Amino acid sequence: MLCKKSLEEGFLLSPSHTTLSIARKLTIGGGFSNYKADEWATWFMVLSPCLLVDKLNTSNYNHWLKIV
């Protein structure tokens, strides 16, 4: 699976995603609401499908993929 491989080897983002802005630690809490649009886009479209696969139940995960 691509996500498992990415998690083990690290993510390689395409040049369209701003790598400098996601260099800071991704945490949910006080700083999470201060993300810029490109950071949110990277989270939603690139990182969340891989990082949420083991965190959500199958039904919720499949629904999330429909949104993303």
C-alpha atoms as a PDB file:
ATOM      1  CA  MET A   1       0.000   0.000   0.000  1.00  0.00           C
ATOM      2  CA  LEU A   2       1.307   3.429  -0.931  1.00  0.00           C
ATOM      3  CA  CYS A   3       0.476   5.015   2.424  1.00  0.00           C
ATOM      4  CA  LYS A   4       2.275   2.343   4.440  1.00  0.00           C
ATOM      5  CA  LYS A   5       5.327   2.697   2.220  1.00  0.00           C
ATOM      6  CA  SER A   6       5.196   6.491   2.574  1.00  0.00           C
ATOM      7  CA  LEU A   7       4.970   6.286   6.353  1.00  0.00           C
ATOM      8  CA  GLU A   8       7.935   3.926   6.549  1.00  0.00           C
ATOM      9  CA  GLU A   9      10.159   5.768   4.087  1.00  0.00           C
ATOM     10  CA  GLY A  10       8.919   9.309   4.684  1.00  0.00           C
ATOM     11  CA  PHE A  11       6.676  11.445   2.531  1.00  0.00           C
ATOM     12  CA  LEU A  12       7.876  12.773  -0.801  1.00  0.00           C
ATOM     13  CA  LEU A  13       5.675  15.709  -1.748  1.00  0.00           C
ATOM     14  CA  SER A  14       5.326  17.078  -5.231  1.00  0.00           C
ATOM     15  CA  PRO A  15       6.634  20.610  -5.871  1.00  0.00           C
ATOM     16  CA  SER A  16       3.052  21.900  -5.872  1.00  0.00           C
ATOM     17  CA  HIS A  17       2.942  21.488  -2.079  1.00  0.00           C
ATOM     18  CA  THR A  18       4.814  24.043  -0.025  1.00  0.00           C
ATOM     19  CA  THR A  19       7.347  22.024   1.932  1.00  0.00           C
ATOM     20  CA  LEU A  20       8.569  24.897   4.087  1.00  0.00           C
ATOM     21  CA  SER A  21       5.144  25.507   5.579  1.00  0.00           C
ATOM     22  CA  ILE A  22       4.629  21.890   6.653  1.00  0.00           C
ATOM     23  CA  ALA A  23       8.094  21.621   8.130  1.00  0.00           C
ATOM     24  CA  ARG A  24       6.694  22.719  11.469  1.00  0.00           C
ATOM     25  CA  LYS A  25       5.227  20.062  13.691  1.00  0.00           C
ATOM     26  CA  LEU A  26       1.676  18.994  12.887  1.00  0.00           C
ATOM     27  CA  THR A  27      -0.183  19.056  16.180  1.00  0.00           C
ATOM     28  CA  ILE A  28      -3.826  19.349  17.024  1.00  0.00           C
ATOM     29  CA  GLY A  29      -4.394  22.053  19.571  1.00  0.00           C
ATOM     30  CA  GLY A  30      -3.572  25.702  19.983  1.00  0.00           C
ATOM     31  CA  GLY A  31      -1.423  26.081  16.866  1.00  0.00           C
ATOM     32  CA  PHE A  32      -3.585  23.967  14.575  1.00  0.00           C
ATOM     33  CA  SER A  33      -6.044  26.793  13.892  1.00  0.00           C
ATOM     34  CA  ASN A  34      -3.274  29.073  12.638  1.00  0.00           C
ATOM     35  CA  TYR A  35      -2.556  27.024   9.512  1.00  0.00           C
ATOM     36  CA  LYS A  36      -2.403  28.782   6.173  1.00  0.00           C
ATOM     37  CA  ALA A  37      -4.466  27.631   3.196  1.00  0.00           C
ATOM     38  CA  ASP A  38      -1.601  25.693   1.603  1.00  0.00           C
ATOM     39  CA  GLU A  39      -0.945  23.862   4.883  1.00  0.00           C
ATOM     40  CA  TRP A  40      -4.607  22.865   5.147  1.00  0.00           C
ATOM     41  CA  ALA A  41      -4.578  21.709   1.514  1.00  0.00           C
ATOM     42  CA  THR A  42      -1.523  19.558   2.153  1.00  0.00           C
ATOM     43  CA  TRP A  43      -3.105  18.063   5.259  1.00  0.00           C
ATOM     44  CA  PHE A  44      -6.443  17.301   3.582  1.00  0.00           C
ATOM     45  CA  MET A  45      -5.260  16.025   0.222  1.00  0.00           C
ATOM     46  CA  VAL A  46      -1.875  14.451   0.944  1.00  0.00           C
ATOM     47  CA  LEU A  47      -1.353  13.583   4.587  1.00  0.00           C
ATOM     48  CA  SER A  48      -4.788  12.810   6.033  1.00  0.00           C
ATOM     49  CA  PRO A  49      -5.613   9.774   3.833  1.00  0.00           C
ATOM     50  CA  CYS A  50      -2.422   8.078   5.003  1.00  0.00           C
ATOM     51  CA  LEU A  51      -2.411   9.204   8.612  1.00  0.00           C
ATOM     52  CA  LEU A  52      -6.092   8.592   9.368  1.00  0.00           C
ATOM     53  CA  VAL A  53      -6.365   5.082   7.907  1.00  0.00           C
ATOM     54  CA  ASP A  54      -5.551   3.441  11.258  1.00  0.00           C
ATOM     55  CA  LYS A  55      -7.266   6.101  13.391  1.00  0.00           C
ATOM     56  CA  LEU A  56     -10.833   5.996  12.007  1.00  0.00           C
ATOM     57  CA  ASN A  57     -13.179   3.059  11.690  1.00  0.00           C
ATOM     58  CA  THR A  58     -13.784   1.817   8.143  1.00  0.00           C
ATOM     59  CA  SER A  59     -17.098   3.602   7.671  1.00  0.00           C
ATOM     60  CA  ASN A  60     -15.779   6.975   8.832  1.00  0.00           C
ATOM     61  CA  TYR A  61     -12.551   6.577   6.879  1.00  0.00           C
ATOM     62  CA  ASN A  62     -14.425   5.787   3.649  1.00  0.00           C
ATOM     63  CA  HIS A  63     -16.633   8.821   4.234  1.00  0.00           C
ATOM     64  CA  TRP A  64     -13.532  10.980   4.808  1.00  0.00           C
ATOM     65  CA  LEU A  65     -12.086   9.795   1.486  1.00  0.00           C
ATOM     66  CA  LYS A  66     -15.262  10.914  -0.282  1.00  0.00           C
ATOM     67  CA  ILE A  67     -14.774  14.402   1.148  1.00  0.00           C
ATOM     68  CA  VAL A  68     -11.084  14.544   0.350  1.00  0.00           C
END
